[in-house]
Protein backbone atom coordinates (compact mmCIF):
# COMPACT_ATOMS: atom_id res chain seq x y z
CA MET A 1 5.16 43.33 -51.02
CA THR A 2 6.22 46.52 -49.73
CA ASP A 3 9.41 47.83 -50.74
CA ARG A 4 12.08 47.95 -48.25
CA PRO A 5 14.80 51.24 -48.45
CA SER A 6 18.06 50.58 -50.33
CA LEU A 7 21.23 51.19 -48.89
CA ALA A 8 21.51 54.56 -50.99
CA GLU A 9 18.40 56.29 -49.87
CA LEU A 10 19.11 55.55 -45.81
CA GLY A 11 21.32 58.86 -45.93
CA LEU A 12 24.40 56.81 -44.35
CA GLY A 13 27.65 57.94 -44.18
CA THR A 14 30.69 55.97 -46.48
CA GLY A 15 31.69 53.73 -43.50
CA LYS A 16 28.45 53.27 -42.32
CA LYS A 17 26.99 52.11 -46.20
CA ALA A 18 30.00 50.24 -46.57
CA ARG A 19 29.70 48.16 -44.08
CA LEU A 20 26.08 47.29 -44.27
CA HIS A 21 26.87 46.80 -48.47
CA ARG A 22 29.24 43.86 -46.96
CA ILE A 23 26.86 42.51 -44.31
CA LEU A 24 23.93 42.37 -47.10
CA PHE A 25 24.96 41.59 -50.44
CA GLN A 26 28.34 39.70 -48.97
CA HIS A 27 27.22 37.53 -47.16
CA GLY A 28 24.69 35.24 -46.50
CA LEU A 29 21.79 35.20 -49.48
CA GLY A 30 23.85 38.41 -50.95
CA ASN A 31 20.43 39.93 -52.04
CA GLY A 32 20.20 42.55 -49.43
CA THR A 33 17.97 40.17 -47.05
CA ALA A 34 19.70 39.60 -43.87
CA LEU A 35 19.16 36.63 -41.46
CA PHE A 36 21.40 37.35 -38.26
CA LEU A 37 22.13 35.20 -35.48
CA PRO A 38 21.94 36.61 -31.87
CA TYR A 39 24.07 34.84 -28.94
CA ASP A 40 23.43 37.50 -26.26
CA GLN A 41 21.03 35.30 -24.35
CA GLY A 42 23.85 33.65 -22.07
CA LEU A 43 23.98 37.39 -20.31
CA GLU A 44 20.20 38.24 -20.83
CA HIS A 45 18.56 34.67 -19.42
CA GLY A 46 21.49 33.05 -17.63
CA PRO A 47 22.57 29.60 -18.65
CA ARG A 48 19.18 27.95 -18.65
CA ASP A 49 18.59 29.12 -22.79
CA PHE A 50 21.43 26.08 -23.32
CA PHE A 51 20.00 22.97 -21.46
CA ALA A 52 17.45 22.36 -24.65
CA ASN A 53 20.87 21.71 -26.52
CA PRO A 54 23.68 22.14 -24.09
CA ALA A 55 26.28 22.09 -27.05
CA ALA A 56 24.61 26.10 -27.63
CA ALA A 57 26.93 26.57 -24.45
CA ASP A 58 30.04 26.79 -26.25
CA PRO A 59 30.45 29.66 -28.41
CA ARG A 60 32.60 27.98 -30.52
CA TYR A 61 29.76 25.80 -31.24
CA ILE A 62 27.34 29.04 -32.30
CA LEU A 63 30.37 30.30 -34.16
CA ARG A 64 30.28 27.27 -36.04
CA LEU A 65 26.72 27.30 -36.74
CA ALA A 66 26.60 30.87 -38.28
CA THR A 67 29.44 30.10 -40.36
CA GLU A 68 27.54 26.41 -41.53
CA GLY A 69 24.76 28.29 -42.23
CA GLY A 70 25.06 31.18 -43.91
CA PHE A 71 24.50 34.14 -41.89
CA ASN A 72 24.89 37.46 -42.38
CA GLY A 73 25.93 38.50 -38.76
CA ILE A 74 25.77 36.78 -35.31
CA ALA A 75 25.42 39.64 -32.74
CA ILE A 76 27.70 38.59 -29.37
CA GLN A 77 29.07 40.29 -26.52
CA ILE A 78 32.19 41.40 -25.78
CA GLY A 79 33.64 38.86 -23.96
CA LEU A 80 32.65 36.30 -26.17
CA ALA A 81 34.20 38.33 -29.02
CA GLU A 82 37.17 38.56 -27.65
CA LYS A 83 38.18 35.11 -26.94
CA PHE A 84 36.27 33.55 -29.56
CA TYR A 85 35.48 35.28 -32.91
CA TRP A 86 39.15 35.53 -34.07
CA ASP A 87 38.60 31.97 -35.18
CA TYR A 88 35.88 33.35 -37.54
CA ALA A 89 37.07 36.69 -38.49
CA GLY A 90 36.48 37.74 -41.89
CA GLU A 91 33.77 34.26 -42.28
CA VAL A 92 30.79 35.80 -40.61
CA PRO A 93 30.36 39.71 -39.58
CA LEU A 94 30.76 40.50 -35.87
CA ILE A 95 27.81 42.62 -34.15
CA LEU A 96 29.10 43.84 -31.06
CA LYS A 97 26.19 44.36 -28.67
CA LEU A 98 27.48 47.16 -26.31
CA ASN A 99 25.27 46.78 -23.48
CA GLY A 100 23.32 44.17 -21.94
CA LYS A 101 21.87 43.11 -18.31
CA THR A 102 20.70 39.82 -16.96
CA ASP A 103 17.19 39.19 -15.74
CA ILE A 104 17.70 38.81 -11.84
CA PRO A 105 16.23 42.44 -11.01
CA PRO A 106 12.53 42.83 -11.92
CA ASP A 107 12.09 44.82 -15.29
CA ASP A 108 9.94 48.04 -13.84
CA ARG A 109 12.61 50.27 -14.80
CA ALA A 110 14.60 48.12 -17.21
CA LEU A 111 17.91 49.68 -18.40
CA SER A 112 20.53 47.95 -20.36
CA PRO A 113 24.07 49.65 -18.62
CA LEU A 114 26.91 49.49 -21.12
CA ASN A 115 30.06 47.05 -20.98
CA ALA A 116 31.85 47.89 -24.20
CA THR A 117 32.27 50.55 -27.14
CA VAL A 118 32.11 51.48 -30.49
CA ALA A 119 35.64 51.95 -30.50
CA ASP A 120 35.89 48.44 -29.16
CA ALA A 121 34.05 46.94 -32.11
CA VAL A 122 36.56 48.94 -34.90
CA ARG A 123 39.52 46.87 -32.89
CA LEU A 124 37.33 43.83 -33.00
CA GLY A 125 37.02 43.77 -36.97
CA ALA A 126 32.86 44.29 -36.24
CA ASP A 127 30.81 45.11 -39.10
CA ALA A 128 27.84 46.88 -36.79
CA VAL A 129 27.25 47.39 -32.99
CA GLY A 130 24.05 46.67 -31.14
CA TYR A 131 22.04 48.23 -28.38
CA THR A 132 19.14 47.31 -26.73
CA LEU A 133 17.15 50.51 -25.95
CA TYR A 134 14.12 49.85 -23.41
CA VAL A 135 11.16 51.51 -24.89
CA GLY A 136 8.98 52.94 -22.42
CA THR A 137 10.79 52.47 -19.19
CA PRO A 138 10.77 54.84 -16.56
CA ALA A 139 14.44 55.23 -16.59
CA GLN A 140 14.49 56.52 -19.70
CA GLU A 141 16.46 59.65 -19.33
CA GLN A 142 19.43 57.77 -18.58
CA ASP A 143 18.77 55.04 -21.32
CA PHE A 144 18.85 57.72 -24.02
CA ALA A 145 21.98 59.53 -22.60
CA GLN A 146 23.95 56.58 -22.93
CA TYR A 147 22.41 55.73 -26.11
CA LEU A 148 23.18 59.66 -27.15
CA ALA A 149 27.01 58.51 -26.83
CA VAL A 150 26.66 55.37 -28.65
CA ARG A 151 25.13 56.82 -31.29
CA ARG A 152 27.57 59.85 -31.83
CA ASP A 153 30.63 57.18 -31.36
CA ALA A 154 28.85 55.13 -34.24
CA GLN A 155 28.69 58.45 -36.62
CA ARG A 156 32.08 59.23 -36.30
CA PHE A 157 33.46 55.66 -36.63
CA GLY A 158 31.23 54.97 -39.60
CA MET A 159 29.50 52.03 -37.41
CA PRO A 160 26.15 50.78 -38.52
CA LEU A 161 24.19 51.10 -35.31
CA ILE A 162 21.20 47.82 -34.43
CA VAL A 163 18.87 49.02 -31.89
CA TRP A 164 16.87 45.92 -30.12
CA ALA A 165 14.07 48.26 -29.38
CA TYR A 166 12.40 46.70 -26.75
CA PRO A 167 9.36 47.59 -24.95
CA ARG A 168 10.08 47.47 -21.38
CA GLY A 169 8.51 48.79 -17.74
CA SER A 170 5.83 49.08 -15.72
CA ALA A 171 4.18 51.45 -17.75
CA VAL A 172 4.20 49.21 -20.72
CA GLU A 173 2.85 46.30 -18.72
CA ALA A 174 -0.18 48.51 -17.78
CA LYS A 175 -0.78 48.70 -21.66
CA GLY A 176 -0.86 45.97 -23.36
CA GLY A 177 2.29 44.63 -22.09
CA LYS A 178 5.76 44.61 -23.70
CA SER A 179 4.26 41.95 -27.37
CA SER A 180 1.43 44.01 -28.02
CA PHE A 181 1.03 46.24 -31.32
CA TYR A 182 1.12 49.37 -29.34
CA ALA A 183 4.17 48.77 -27.80
CA VAL A 184 6.11 47.02 -30.69
CA HIS A 185 4.90 49.55 -33.05
CA TYR A 186 5.47 52.82 -31.06
CA ALA A 187 9.20 50.96 -30.20
CA ALA A 188 10.04 50.97 -34.24
CA ARG A 189 8.67 54.28 -34.44
CA THR A 190 11.08 55.58 -31.88
CA ALA A 191 14.39 53.46 -32.90
CA SER A 192 14.00 55.84 -36.20
CA GLU A 193 13.40 59.28 -34.03
CA LEU A 194 16.50 58.49 -32.30
CA GLY A 195 18.57 57.76 -35.35
CA ALA A 196 18.48 54.35 -35.82
CA ASP A 197 20.19 53.08 -38.81
CA VAL A 198 19.03 49.39 -37.85
CA VAL A 199 15.89 48.67 -35.48
CA LYS A 200 15.24 44.91 -34.26
CA VAL A 201 11.63 44.55 -33.09
CA ASN A 202 9.74 41.39 -32.07
CA PHE A 203 6.73 40.61 -33.81
CA PRO A 204 3.88 42.37 -32.65
CA ASN A 205 0.54 40.75 -31.00
CA PRO A 206 -2.78 42.45 -32.47
CA ASP A 207 -4.40 40.31 -29.85
CA LYS A 208 -3.36 42.21 -26.65
CA ARG A 209 -5.44 45.15 -26.76
CA VAL A 210 -6.22 45.38 -23.18
CA GLY A 211 -4.96 48.57 -21.57
CA VAL A 212 -3.71 50.07 -24.85
CA PRO A 213 -4.62 53.29 -26.42
CA ALA A 214 -8.08 53.46 -27.61
CA LEU A 215 -6.41 53.69 -31.63
CA TYR A 216 -5.31 50.37 -31.21
CA THR A 217 -8.50 48.37 -29.01
CA ALA A 218 -9.69 47.80 -33.04
CA GLU A 219 -9.24 44.54 -34.17
CA PHE A 220 -6.25 44.19 -37.07
CA THR A 221 -4.82 41.08 -38.72
CA SER A 222 -1.19 40.22 -37.86
CA GLN A 223 -0.02 41.28 -41.28
CA GLN A 224 -1.84 44.66 -41.08
CA ALA A 225 0.40 45.02 -37.67
CA VAL A 226 3.75 44.30 -38.73
CA ASP A 227 3.04 46.44 -41.92
CA ALA A 228 2.58 49.09 -39.71
CA VAL A 229 5.35 48.53 -37.92
CA VAL A 230 7.85 48.44 -40.34
CA ALA A 231 6.25 51.15 -42.02
CA ALA A 232 7.00 52.85 -38.70
CA ALA A 233 10.72 52.54 -38.99
CA ASN A 234 10.79 54.62 -42.06
CA ARG A 235 14.30 54.72 -43.31
CA THR A 236 15.25 52.78 -40.80
CA LEU A 237 16.08 48.95 -41.48
CA VAL A 238 13.80 46.43 -39.51
CA LEU A 239 14.69 43.01 -38.33
CA ILE A 240 12.26 40.89 -37.09
CA SER A 241 12.91 39.14 -33.93
CA GLY A 242 12.64 35.28 -33.45
CA GLY A 243 11.56 35.47 -29.84
CA GLU A 244 11.08 32.90 -27.68
CA LYS A 245 10.74 29.38 -29.45
CA ALA A 246 8.37 28.29 -31.35
CA GLY A 247 6.65 25.53 -33.45
CA ASP A 248 8.43 25.68 -36.80
CA GLU A 249 4.79 26.73 -39.20
CA ALA A 250 4.31 29.45 -37.02
CA MET A 251 7.71 31.04 -37.10
CA LEU A 252 8.06 30.69 -41.41
CA ASP A 253 4.84 32.19 -41.09
CA LYS A 254 5.88 35.32 -39.31
CA ALA A 255 9.15 34.86 -41.42
CA ALA A 256 7.24 35.53 -44.45
CA GLN A 257 4.88 38.26 -43.22
CA SER A 258 7.77 39.85 -42.02
CA LEU A 259 9.48 40.62 -45.58
CA ALA A 260 6.32 41.32 -47.24
CA ALA A 261 5.82 43.98 -44.79
CA GLY A 262 9.29 45.10 -46.05
CA ALA A 263 11.64 44.25 -43.55
CA THR A 264 15.07 43.66 -44.26
CA GLY A 265 15.67 40.07 -42.69
CA LEU A 266 15.02 38.36 -39.62
CA ILE A 267 17.20 37.78 -36.34
CA PHE A 268 16.63 34.06 -34.88
CA GLY A 269 18.35 32.79 -31.93
CA ARG A 270 16.88 30.39 -29.40
CA ASN A 271 14.70 29.20 -32.36
CA VAL A 272 17.38 27.64 -34.23
CA TRP A 273 20.09 26.90 -31.62
CA GLN A 274 17.75 25.19 -29.01
CA ARG A 275 17.71 21.94 -31.38
CA ASP A 276 20.27 19.97 -32.46
CA HIS A 277 22.64 20.89 -34.79
CA ASP A 278 21.06 19.08 -37.68
CA ALA A 279 17.50 20.37 -37.38
CA SER A 280 18.88 24.04 -36.60
CA LEU A 281 20.65 23.92 -40.69
CA ARG A 282 17.82 22.81 -41.44
CA PHE A 283 15.35 25.37 -39.82
CA VAL A 284 18.34 27.62 -41.00
CA ALA A 285 17.87 26.78 -44.77
CA GLU A 286 13.69 26.82 -44.18
CA LEU A 287 14.39 30.58 -43.48
CA ARG A 288 16.59 30.91 -46.15
CA ASP A 289 14.09 30.07 -48.64
CA VAL A 290 11.64 32.52 -47.61
CA LEU A 291 14.83 34.99 -47.53
CA ALA A 292 15.58 33.96 -50.92
CA LYS A 293 12.06 35.45 -52.03
CA TYR A 294 12.33 38.96 -51.20
CA PRO A 295 15.41 40.25 -52.87
CA SER A 296 16.19 43.77 -52.23
CA LYS A 297 16.14 46.51 -55.18
């Protein structure tokens, strides 16, 4: 197992350290690993993601699932946070997503505009904020500029900043695609370079090698790829996303590889709530068993 950095090694101010400690050691398993439940897909993908389990269209169902499953936090947009989170305030940490977009326009020049502020997160009692950064998009000048304003506010308010580092745009698609080892590796490093406290990335696919830079055309195992991705984040904590719904064994294997690589935790949404209530909790229990094997130092 690769050691993950401890909170004491991250150079955090008091507010950020206190909030991350609360997330990692006062919720979930309390062992420094984390399991987050993202619920921003209603904006990012539209209501189609709820067809598999119609109950999941109700934010109250998801918030109840987060508490019953012992998650370390739930990531939601401001509208749902203002209308629904107060029922569960204090029971499960809130990660307020500050930006988002629909998937109706093409991703050629992907940009996720702001719709909330760090001040909103403080007002709502959040323990962290989330920002989607599209690494490689032709719109990166605008993306970087609005990210800079968020990072400054997060520093000023002592709010941990979790960056959804997603490779997107026409250039990314021409160089292996958004899930290639090359793209995910670059995304993790970019988030670290730009001052993220935590970075969320997808599990890298080392088999996607068409169009990638020469050094990435070699054969890598999935463990080697995720090891490199986590290492690229340096002293930025890493969360690995579940991505699109897949088979349980494959997801549990990816979870184990991610934790063995030194990731701090997992952020699984559709793989959890696109199934009925009891099946969701059974799968969460299996994920927690994986997390329990990799306590933080």
